[in-house]
All heavy atoms as atom14 arrays in JSON, in Angstrom:
{
  "sequence": "ESKIDTLKAEVASFEMFRDQLQEEYDAERFGEKTSRTSGIVG",
  "atom14_mask": [
    [1, 1, 1, 1, 1, 1, 1, 1, 1, 0, 0, 0, 0, 0],
    [1, 1, 1, 1, 1, 1, 0, 0, 0, 0, 0, 0, 0, 0],
    [1, 1, 1, 1, 1, 1, 1, 1, 1, 0, 0, 0, 0, 0],
    [1, 1, 1, 1, 1, 1, 1, 1, 0, 0, 0, 0, 0, 0],
    [1, 1, 1, 1, 1, 1, 1, 1, 0, 0, 0, 0, 0, 0],
    [1, 1, 1, 1, 1, 1, 1, 0, 0, 0, 0, 0, 0, 0],
    [1, 1, 1, 1, 1, 1, 1, 1, 0, 0, 0, 0, 0, 0],
    [1, 1, 1, 1, 1, 1, 1, 1, 1, 0, 0, 0, 0, 0],
    [1, 1, 1, 1, 1, 0, 0, 0, 0, 0, 0, 0, 0, 0],
    [1, 1, 1, 1, 1, 1, 1, 1, 1, 0, 0, 0, 0, 0],
    [1, 1, 1, 1, 1, 1, 1, 0, 0, 0, 0, 0, 0, 0],
    [1, 1, 1, 1, 1, 0, 0, 0, 0, 0, 0, 0, 0, 0],
    [1, 1, 1, 1, 1, 1, 0, 0, 0, 0, 0, 0, 0, 0],
    [1, 1, 1, 1, 1, 1, 1, 1, 1, 1, 1, 0, 0, 0],
    [1, 1, 1, 1, 1, 1, 1, 1, 1, 0, 0, 0, 0, 0],
    [1, 1, 1, 1, 1, 1, 1, 1, 0, 0, 0, 0, 0, 0],
    [1, 1, 1, 1, 1, 1, 1, 1, 1, 1, 1, 0, 0, 0],
    [1, 1, 1, 1, 1, 1, 1, 1, 1, 1, 1, 0, 0, 0],
    [1, 1, 1, 1, 1, 1, 1, 1, 0, 0, 0, 0, 0, 0],
    [1, 1, 1, 1, 1, 1, 1, 1, 1, 0, 0, 0, 0, 0],
    [1, 1, 1, 1, 1, 1, 1, 1, 0, 0, 0, 0, 0, 0],
    [1, 1, 1, 1, 1, 1, 1, 1, 1, 0, 0, 0, 0, 0],
    [1, 1, 1, 1, 1, 1, 1, 1, 1, 0, 0, 0, 0, 0],
    [1, 1, 1, 1, 1, 1, 1, 1, 1, 0, 0, 0, 0, 0],
    [1, 1, 1, 1, 1, 1, 1, 1, 1, 1, 1, 1, 0, 0],
    [1, 1, 1, 1, 1, 1, 1, 1, 0, 0, 0, 0, 0, 0],
    [1, 1, 1, 1, 1, 0, 0, 0, 0, 0, 0, 0, 0, 0],
    [1, 1, 1, 1, 1, 1, 1, 1, 1, 0, 0, 0, 0, 0],
    [1, 1, 1, 1, 1, 1, 1, 1, 1, 1, 1, 0, 0, 0],
    [1, 1, 1, 1, 1, 1, 1, 1, 1, 1, 1, 0, 0, 0],
    [1, 1, 1, 1, 0, 0, 0, 0, 0, 0, 0, 0, 0, 0],
    [1, 1, 1, 1, 1, 1, 1, 1, 1, 0, 0, 0, 0, 0],
    [1, 1, 1, 1, 1, 1, 1, 1, 1, 0, 0, 0, 0, 0],
    [1, 1, 1, 1, 1, 1, 1, 0, 0, 0, 0, 0, 0, 0],
    [1, 1, 1, 1, 1, 1, 0, 0, 0, 0, 0, 0, 0, 0],
    [1, 1, 1, 1, 1, 1, 1, 1, 1, 1, 1, 0, 0, 0],
    [1, 1, 1, 1, 1, 1, 1, 0, 0, 0, 0, 0, 0, 0],
    [1, 1, 1, 1, 1, 1, 0, 0, 0, 0, 0, 0, 0, 0],
    [1, 1, 1, 1, 0, 0, 0, 0, 0, 0, 0, 0, 0, 0],
    [1, 1, 1, 1, 1, 1, 1, 1, 0, 0, 0, 0, 0, 0],
    [1, 1, 1, 1, 1, 1, 1, 0, 0, 0, 0, 0, 0, 0],
    [1, 1, 1, 1, 0, 0, 0, 0, 0, 0, 0, 0, 0, 0]
  ],
  "atom14_positions": [
    [[29.32, -83.06, 40.85], [28.6, -84.25, 41.32], [27.74, -84.87, 40.2], [27.59, -86.07, 40.09], [27.79, -83.94, 42.56], [28.61, -83.7, 43.81], [27.76, -83.28, 45.0], [26.56, -82.99, 44.78], [28.28, -83.28, 46.14], [0.0, 0.0, 0.0], [0.0, 0.0, 0.0], [0.0, 0.0, 0.0], [0.0, 0.0, 0.0], [0.0, 0.0, 0.0]],
    [[27.15, -84.0, 39.44], [26.3, -84.47, 38.3], [27.17, -85.21, 37.32], [26.76, -86.24, 36.73], [25.56, -83.3, 37.68], [24.83, -83.7, 36.56], [0.0, 0.0, 0.0], [0.0, 0.0, 0.0], [0.0, 0.0, 0.0], [0.0, 0.0, 0.0], [0.0, 0.0, 0.0], [0.0, 0.0, 0.0], [0.0, 0.0, 0.0], [0.0, 0.0, 0.0]],
    [[28.4, -84.62, 37.02], [29.27, -85.32, 36.06], [29.71, -86.7, 36.65], [29.78, -87.66, 35.86], [30.51, -84.45, 35.85], [30.22, -83.19, 35.03], [31.44, -82.37, 34.81], [31.19, -81.1, 33.99], [32.39, -80.29, 33.83], [0.0, 0.0, 0.0], [0.0, 0.0, 0.0], [0.0, 0.0, 0.0], [0.0, 0.0, 0.0], [0.0, 0.0, 0.0]],
    [[29.99, -86.74, 37.93], [30.37, -88.06, 38.55], [29.24, -89.05, 38.41], [29.43, -90.21, 38.07], [30.78, -87.81, 40.01], [32.07, -87.07, 40.09], [30.91, -89.14, 40.72], [32.52, -86.67, 41.49], [0.0, 0.0, 0.0], [0.0, 0.0, 0.0], [0.0, 0.0, 0.0], [0.0, 0.0, 0.0], [0.0, 0.0, 0.0], [0.0, 0.0, 0.0]],
    [[28.04, -88.6, 38.66], [26.86, -89.46, 38.5], [26.71, -90.01, 37.1], [26.35, -91.15, 36.89], [25.59, -88.77, 38.93], [25.56, -88.49, 40.43], [26.33, -89.17, 41.2], [24.82, -87.57, 40.89], [0.0, 0.0, 0.0], [0.0, 0.0, 0.0], [0.0, 0.0, 0.0], [0.0, 0.0, 0.0], [0.0, 0.0, 0.0], [0.0, 0.0, 0.0]],
    [[26.98, -89.09, 36.15], [26.91, -89.5, 34.75], [27.97, -90.57, 34.41], [27.66, -91.54, 33.74], [27.12, -88.28, 33.84], [26.14, -87.3, 34.12], [27.03, -88.67, 32.32], [0.0, 0.0, 0.0], [0.0, 0.0, 0.0], [0.0, 0.0, 0.0], [0.0, 0.0, 0.0], [0.0, 0.0, 0.0], [0.0, 0.0, 0.0], [0.0, 0.0, 0.0]],
    [[29.2, -90.38, 34.86], [30.27, -91.39, 34.63], [29.89, -92.71, 35.32], [30.11, -93.77, 34.76], [31.57, -90.87, 35.17], [32.16, -89.64, 34.41], [33.38, -89.1, 35.14], [32.5, -90.0, 32.95], [0.0, 0.0, 0.0], [0.0, 0.0, 0.0], [0.0, 0.0, 0.0], [0.0, 0.0, 0.0], [0.0, 0.0, 0.0], [0.0, 0.0, 0.0]],
    [[29.37, -92.67, 36.56], [29.01, -93.88, 37.26], [27.82, -94.57, 36.5], [27.79, -95.81, 36.4], [28.65, -93.58, 38.68], [29.83, -93.21, 39.56], [29.39, -92.89, 40.96], [30.65, -92.59, 41.85], [30.23, -92.31, 43.28], [0.0, 0.0, 0.0], [0.0, 0.0, 0.0], [0.0, 0.0, 0.0], [0.0, 0.0, 0.0], [0.0, 0.0, 0.0]],
    [[26.92, -93.78, 35.99], [25.79, -94.36, 35.31], [26.22, -95.01, 34.01], [25.7, -96.08, 33.57], [24.74, -93.25, 34.99], [0.0, 0.0, 0.0], [0.0, 0.0, 0.0], [0.0, 0.0, 0.0], [0.0, 0.0, 0.0], [0.0, 0.0, 0.0], [0.0, 0.0, 0.0], [0.0, 0.0, 0.0], [0.0, 0.0, 0.0], [0.0, 0.0, 0.0]],
    [[27.24, -94.44, 33.37], [27.78, -95.04, 32.14], [28.37, -96.41, 32.42], [28.16, -97.37, 31.75], [28.81, -94.09, 31.61], [29.39, -94.59, 30.23], [30.45, -93.62, 29.66], [30.69, -92.61, 30.31], [30.97, -93.93, 28.6], [0.0, 0.0, 0.0], [0.0, 0.0, 0.0], [0.0, 0.0, 0.0], [0.0, 0.0, 0.0], [0.0, 0.0, 0.0]],
    [[29.17, -96.46, 33.54], [29.77, -97.78, 33.93], [28.66, -98.8, 34.29], [28.7, -99.95, 33.92], [30.71, -97.53, 35.09], [31.21, -98.92, 35.61], [31.93, -96.67, 34.62], [0.0, 0.0, 0.0], [0.0, 0.0, 0.0], [0.0, 0.0, 0.0], [0.0, 0.0, 0.0], [0.0, 0.0, 0.0], [0.0, 0.0, 0.0], [0.0, 0.0, 0.0]],
    [[27.66, -98.32, 35.04], [26.59, -99.18, 35.49], [25.81, -99.73, 34.32], [25.43, -100.93, 34.23], [25.65, -98.43, 36.45], [0.0, 0.0, 0.0], [0.0, 0.0, 0.0], [0.0, 0.0, 0.0], [0.0, 0.0, 0.0], [0.0, 0.0, 0.0], [0.0, 0.0, 0.0], [0.0, 0.0, 0.0], [0.0, 0.0, 0.0], [0.0, 0.0, 0.0]],
    [[25.6, -98.83, 33.3], [24.89, -99.23, 32.07], [25.7, -100.33, 31.35], [25.1, -101.34, 30.88], [24.63, -98.06, 31.19], [24.02, -98.46, 29.96], [0.0, 0.0, 0.0], [0.0, 0.0, 0.0], [0.0, 0.0, 0.0], [0.0, 0.0, 0.0], [0.0, 0.0, 0.0], [0.0, 0.0, 0.0], [0.0, 0.0, 0.0], [0.0, 0.0, 0.0]],
    [[27.02, -100.16, 31.2], [27.8, -101.14, 30.54], [27.91, -102.4, 31.35], [28.01, -103.54, 30.74], [29.17, -100.59, 30.26], [29.83, -101.25, 29.09], [29.59, -100.87, 27.75], [30.69, -102.37, 29.27], [30.17, -101.49, 26.65], [31.28, -102.99, 28.17], [31.05, -102.55, 26.88], [0.0, 0.0, 0.0], [0.0, 0.0, 0.0], [0.0, 0.0, 0.0]],
    [[27.86, -102.33, 32.69], [27.86, -103.54, 33.5], [26.58, -104.28, 33.27], [26.63, -105.59, 33.19], [27.93, -103.17, 34.97], [29.37, -102.66, 35.38], [29.4, -102.36, 36.88], [28.27, -102.21, 37.49], [30.48, -102.16, 37.43], [0.0, 0.0, 0.0], [0.0, 0.0, 0.0], [0.0, 0.0, 0.0], [0.0, 0.0, 0.0], [0.0, 0.0, 0.0]],
    [[25.49, -103.65, 33.09], [24.24, -104.35, 32.78], [24.32, -105.04, 31.42], [23.87, -106.22, 31.27], [23.06, -103.36, 32.72], [22.73, -102.78, 34.11], [21.4, -101.5, 33.98], [20.14, -102.53, 33.41], [0.0, 0.0, 0.0], [0.0, 0.0, 0.0], [0.0, 0.0, 0.0], [0.0, 0.0, 0.0], [0.0, 0.0, 0.0], [0.0, 0.0, 0.0]],
    [[25.0, -104.41, 30.42], [25.23, -105.06, 29.14], [26.12, -106.28, 29.3], [25.88, -107.36, 28.78], [25.82, -104.08, 28.2], [26.18, -104.62, 26.85], [25.18, -105.03, 25.95], [27.47, -104.81, 26.47], [25.47, -105.59, 24.72], [27.84, -105.38, 25.25], [26.88, -105.74, 24.38], [0.0, 0.0, 0.0], [0.0, 0.0, 0.0], [0.0, 0.0, 0.0]],
    [[27.21, -106.14, 30.13], [28.07, -107.28, 30.35], [27.36, -108.43, 31.05], [27.51, -109.59, 30.66], [29.29, -106.84, 31.13], [30.45, -107.81, 31.28], [30.27, -108.86, 32.4], [29.72, -108.33, 33.64], [30.49, -107.87, 34.61], [31.82, -107.95, 34.57], [29.93, -107.41, 35.75], [0.0, 0.0, 0.0], [0.0, 0.0, 0.0], [0.0, 0.0, 0.0]],
    [[26.53, -108.08, 32.05], [25.73, -109.1, 32.73], [24.77, -109.83, 31.8], [24.55, -111.08, 31.95], [24.98, -108.48, 33.93], [25.93, -107.94, 34.97], [27.13, -108.4, 35.02], [25.54, -107.05, 35.8], [0.0, 0.0, 0.0], [0.0, 0.0, 0.0], [0.0, 0.0, 0.0], [0.0, 0.0, 0.0], [0.0, 0.0, 0.0], [0.0, 0.0, 0.0]],
    [[24.19, -109.09, 30.89], [23.3, -109.68, 29.95], [24.08, -110.7, 29.03], [23.56, -111.8, 28.79], [22.64, -108.61, 29.04], [21.67, -109.18, 28.09], [21.03, -108.06, 27.21], [21.32, -106.9, 27.39], [20.18, -108.49, 26.28], [0.0, 0.0, 0.0], [0.0, 0.0, 0.0], [0.0, 0.0, 0.0], [0.0, 0.0, 0.0], [0.0, 0.0, 0.0]],
    [[25.26, -110.35, 28.64], [26.06, -111.25, 27.79], [26.48, -112.44, 28.67], [26.54, -113.62, 28.16], [27.32, -110.57, 27.35], [27.1, -109.46, 26.24], [28.43, -108.8, 25.88], [26.46, -110.02, 25.0], [0.0, 0.0, 0.0], [0.0, 0.0, 0.0], [0.0, 0.0, 0.0], [0.0, 0.0, 0.0], [0.0, 0.0, 0.0], [0.0, 0.0, 0.0]],
    [[26.71, -112.24, 29.95], [27.05, -113.35, 30.86], [25.91, -114.32, 30.93], [26.05, -115.55, 30.89], [27.43, -112.81, 32.2], [27.85, -113.93, 33.22], [29.19, -114.56, 32.88], [30.16, -113.9, 32.57], [29.21, -115.92, 32.86], [0.0, 0.0, 0.0], [0.0, 0.0, 0.0], [0.0, 0.0, 0.0], [0.0, 0.0, 0.0], [0.0, 0.0, 0.0]],
    [[24.69, -113.8, 31.03], [23.54, -114.68, 31.19], [23.27, -115.46, 29.85], [22.97, -116.63, 29.84], [22.31, -113.81, 31.42], [22.29, -113.25, 32.85], [21.05, -112.33, 33.0], [20.3, -112.13, 32.06], [20.94, -111.79, 34.17], [0.0, 0.0, 0.0], [0.0, 0.0, 0.0], [0.0, 0.0, 0.0], [0.0, 0.0, 0.0], [0.0, 0.0, 0.0]],
    [[23.51, -114.79, 28.73], [23.37, -115.44, 27.42], [24.41, -116.55, 27.26], [24.12, -117.65, 26.75], [23.46, -114.5, 26.24], [22.34, -113.51, 26.23], [22.49, -112.48, 25.07], [23.52, -112.53, 24.39], [21.59, -111.61, 24.93], [0.0, 0.0, 0.0], [0.0, 0.0, 0.0], [0.0, 0.0, 0.0], [0.0, 0.0, 0.0], [0.0, 0.0, 0.0]],
    [[25.66, -116.29, 27.74], [26.72, -117.27, 27.64], [26.39, -118.48, 28.5], [26.56, -119.63, 28.09], [28.04, -116.63, 28.03], [29.16, -117.63, 28.13], [29.66, -118.3, 27.01], [29.73, -117.9, 29.41], [30.69, -119.22, 27.13], [30.79, -118.81, 29.52], [31.27, -119.45, 28.39], [32.28, -120.38, 28.48], [0.0, 0.0, 0.0], [0.0, 0.0, 0.0]],
    [[25.92, -118.21, 29.71], [25.59, -119.34, 30.61], [24.38, -120.14, 30.03], [24.39, -121.39, 30.11], [25.2, -118.78, 31.96], [26.42, -118.21, 32.68], [27.58, -118.53, 32.31], [26.21, -117.3, 33.57], [0.0, 0.0, 0.0], [0.0, 0.0, 0.0], [0.0, 0.0, 0.0], [0.0, 0.0, 0.0], [0.0, 0.0, 0.0], [0.0, 0.0, 0.0]],
    [[23.41, -119.44, 29.48], [22.27, -120.16, 28.86], [22.72, -121.03, 27.73], [22.2, -122.12, 27.53], [21.22, -119.12, 28.47], [0.0, 0.0, 0.0], [0.0, 0.0, 0.0], [0.0, 0.0, 0.0], [0.0, 0.0, 0.0], [0.0, 0.0, 0.0], [0.0, 0.0, 0.0], [0.0, 0.0, 0.0], [0.0, 0.0, 0.0], [0.0, 0.0, 0.0]],
    [[23.67, -120.51, 26.89], [24.15, -121.23, 25.76], [24.9, -122.51, 26.21], [24.76, -123.59, 25.59], [25.02, -120.32, 24.87], [25.45, -120.96, 23.57], [24.26, -121.17, 22.64], [23.33, -120.28, 22.59], [24.24, -122.17, 21.95], [0.0, 0.0, 0.0], [0.0, 0.0, 0.0], [0.0, 0.0, 0.0], [0.0, 0.0, 0.0], [0.0, 0.0, 0.0]],
    [[25.64, -122.4, 27.24], [26.43, -123.53, 27.71], [25.51, -124.66, 28.28], [25.76, -125.81, 28.1], [27.42, -123.13, 28.8], [28.67, -122.39, 28.24], [29.69, -122.24, 29.3], [29.15, -121.59, 30.49], [29.65, -121.62, 31.72], [30.72, -122.4, 31.88], [29.17, -120.92, 32.7], [0.0, 0.0, 0.0], [0.0, 0.0, 0.0], [0.0, 0.0, 0.0]],
    [[24.47, -124.22, 28.99], [23.65, -125.18, 29.7], [22.45, -125.61, 28.82], [21.59, -126.34, 29.28], [23.16, -124.67, 31.0], [24.3, -124.46, 32.01], [24.68, -123.17, 32.46], [25.0, -125.53, 32.5], [25.69, -122.99, 33.32], [26.04, -125.35, 33.41], [26.38, -124.06, 33.79], [0.0, 0.0, 0.0], [0.0, 0.0, 0.0], [0.0, 0.0, 0.0]],
    [[22.37, -125.1, 27.59], [21.38, -125.56, 26.64], [19.96, -125.0, 26.9], [19.0, -125.62, 26.55], [0.0, 0.0, 0.0], [0.0, 0.0, 0.0], [0.0, 0.0, 0.0], [0.0, 0.0, 0.0], [0.0, 0.0, 0.0], [0.0, 0.0, 0.0], [0.0, 0.0, 0.0], [0.0, 0.0, 0.0], [0.0, 0.0, 0.0], [0.0, 0.0, 0.0]],
    [[19.89, -123.79, 27.5], [18.6, -123.11, 27.65], [18.2, -122.49, 26.39], [18.94, -121.7, 25.8], [18.68, -122.1, 28.8], [18.95, -122.75, 30.18], [19.03, -121.7, 31.21], [18.75, -120.5, 30.96], [19.35, -122.06, 32.4], [0.0, 0.0, 0.0], [0.0, 0.0, 0.0], [0.0, 0.0, 0.0], [0.0, 0.0, 0.0], [0.0, 0.0, 0.0]],
    [[17.02, -122.8, 25.92], [16.51, -122.24, 24.66], [15.81, -120.89, 24.91], [14.84, -120.77, 25.64], [15.46, -123.24, 24.04], [14.89, -122.76, 22.72], [15.97, -122.65, 21.63], [15.3, -122.3, 20.31], [16.3, -122.13, 19.23], [0.0, 0.0, 0.0], [0.0, 0.0, 0.0], [0.0, 0.0, 0.0], [0.0, 0.0, 0.0], [0.0, 0.0, 0.0]],
    [[16.41, -119.82, 24.29], [15.85, -118.45, 24.33], [15.88, -117.93, 22.91], [16.33, -118.49, 21.95], [16.64, -117.57, 25.25], [17.98, -117.4, 24.79], [16.66, -118.16, 26.69], [0.0, 0.0, 0.0], [0.0, 0.0, 0.0], [0.0, 0.0, 0.0], [0.0, 0.0, 0.0], [0.0, 0.0, 0.0], [0.0, 0.0, 0.0], [0.0, 0.0, 0.0]],
    [[15.44, -116.67, 22.82], [15.41, -116.01, 21.54], [16.87, -115.7, 21.05], [17.08, -115.46, 19.86], [14.64, -114.69, 21.55], [15.19, -113.79, 22.48], [0.0, 0.0, 0.0], [0.0, 0.0, 0.0], [0.0, 0.0, 0.0], [0.0, 0.0, 0.0], [0.0, 0.0, 0.0], [0.0, 0.0, 0.0], [0.0, 0.0, 0.0], [0.0, 0.0, 0.0]],
    [[17.83, -115.68, 21.94], [19.2, -115.39, 21.6], [20.15, -116.49, 21.77], [21.39, -116.4, 21.62], [19.7, -114.19, 22.45], [18.85, -112.92, 22.24], [19.36, -111.76, 23.09], [20.66, -111.33, 22.63], [20.88, -110.42, 21.69], [19.88, -109.83, 21.07], [22.12, -110.1, 21.35], [0.0, 0.0, 0.0], [0.0, 0.0, 0.0], [0.0, 0.0, 0.0]],
    [[19.67, -117.74, 22.17], [20.49, -118.88, 22.34], [19.88, -120.05, 21.49], [18.69, -120.08, 21.19], [20.55, -119.32, 23.78], [19.22, -119.58, 24.29], [21.15, -118.2, 24.64], [0.0, 0.0, 0.0], [0.0, 0.0, 0.0], [0.0, 0.0, 0.0], [0.0, 0.0, 0.0], [0.0, 0.0, 0.0], [0.0, 0.0, 0.0], [0.0, 0.0, 0.0]],
    [[20.83, -121.05, 21.19], [20.45, -122.14, 20.33], [19.77, -123.33, 21.09], [19.13, -124.19, 20.51], [21.66, -122.71, 19.6], [22.62, -123.18, 20.5], [0.0, 0.0, 0.0], [0.0, 0.0, 0.0], [0.0, 0.0, 0.0], [0.0, 0.0, 0.0], [0.0, 0.0, 0.0], [0.0, 0.0, 0.0], [0.0, 0.0, 0.0], [0.0, 0.0, 0.0]],
    [[20.05, -123.41, 22.36], [19.48, -124.47, 23.19], [20.35, -125.74, 23.13], [19.9, -126.81, 23.63], [0.0, 0.0, 0.0], [0.0, 0.0, 0.0], [0.0, 0.0, 0.0], [0.0, 0.0, 0.0], [0.0, 0.0, 0.0], [0.0, 0.0, 0.0], [0.0, 0.0, 0.0], [0.0, 0.0, 0.0], [0.0, 0.0, 0.0], [0.0, 0.0, 0.0]],
    [[21.54, -125.68, 22.52], [22.44, -126.87, 22.47], [23.33, -126.8, 23.66], [24.04, -125.82, 23.92], [23.23, -126.82, 21.17], [22.26, -126.83, 19.94], [24.19, -128.04, 21.07], [22.97, -126.69, 18.63], [0.0, 0.0, 0.0], [0.0, 0.0, 0.0], [0.0, 0.0, 0.0], [0.0, 0.0, 0.0], [0.0, 0.0, 0.0], [0.0, 0.0, 0.0]],
    [[23.46, -127.95, 24.39], [24.28, -128.01, 25.59], [25.73, -128.16, 25.17], [26.05, -128.88, 24.17], [23.88, -129.15, 26.47], [24.76, -129.25, 27.75], [22.4, -129.05, 26.87], [0.0, 0.0, 0.0], [0.0, 0.0, 0.0], [0.0, 0.0, 0.0], [0.0, 0.0, 0.0], [0.0, 0.0, 0.0], [0.0, 0.0, 0.0], [0.0, 0.0, 0.0]],
    [[26.67, -127.51, 25.91], [28.04, -127.7, 25.63], [28.68, -126.42, 25.0], [27.97, -125.43, 24.65], [0.0, 0.0, 0.0], [0.0, 0.0, 0.0], [0.0, 0.0, 0.0], [0.0, 0.0, 0.0], [0.0, 0.0, 0.0], [0.0, 0.0, 0.0], [0.0, 0.0, 0.0], [0.0, 0.0, 0.0], [0.0, 0.0, 0.0], [0.0, 0.0, 0.0]]
  ]
}
């Protein structure tokens, strides 16, 4: 069960990384200015 929890935690951690990239992509498209986006719409 501990190994299963580790595997699930690994997937959950990478999902958080993917969600972070999704937020940055959405911010970049809609022109939101952050430390990781340019603030240019489109």
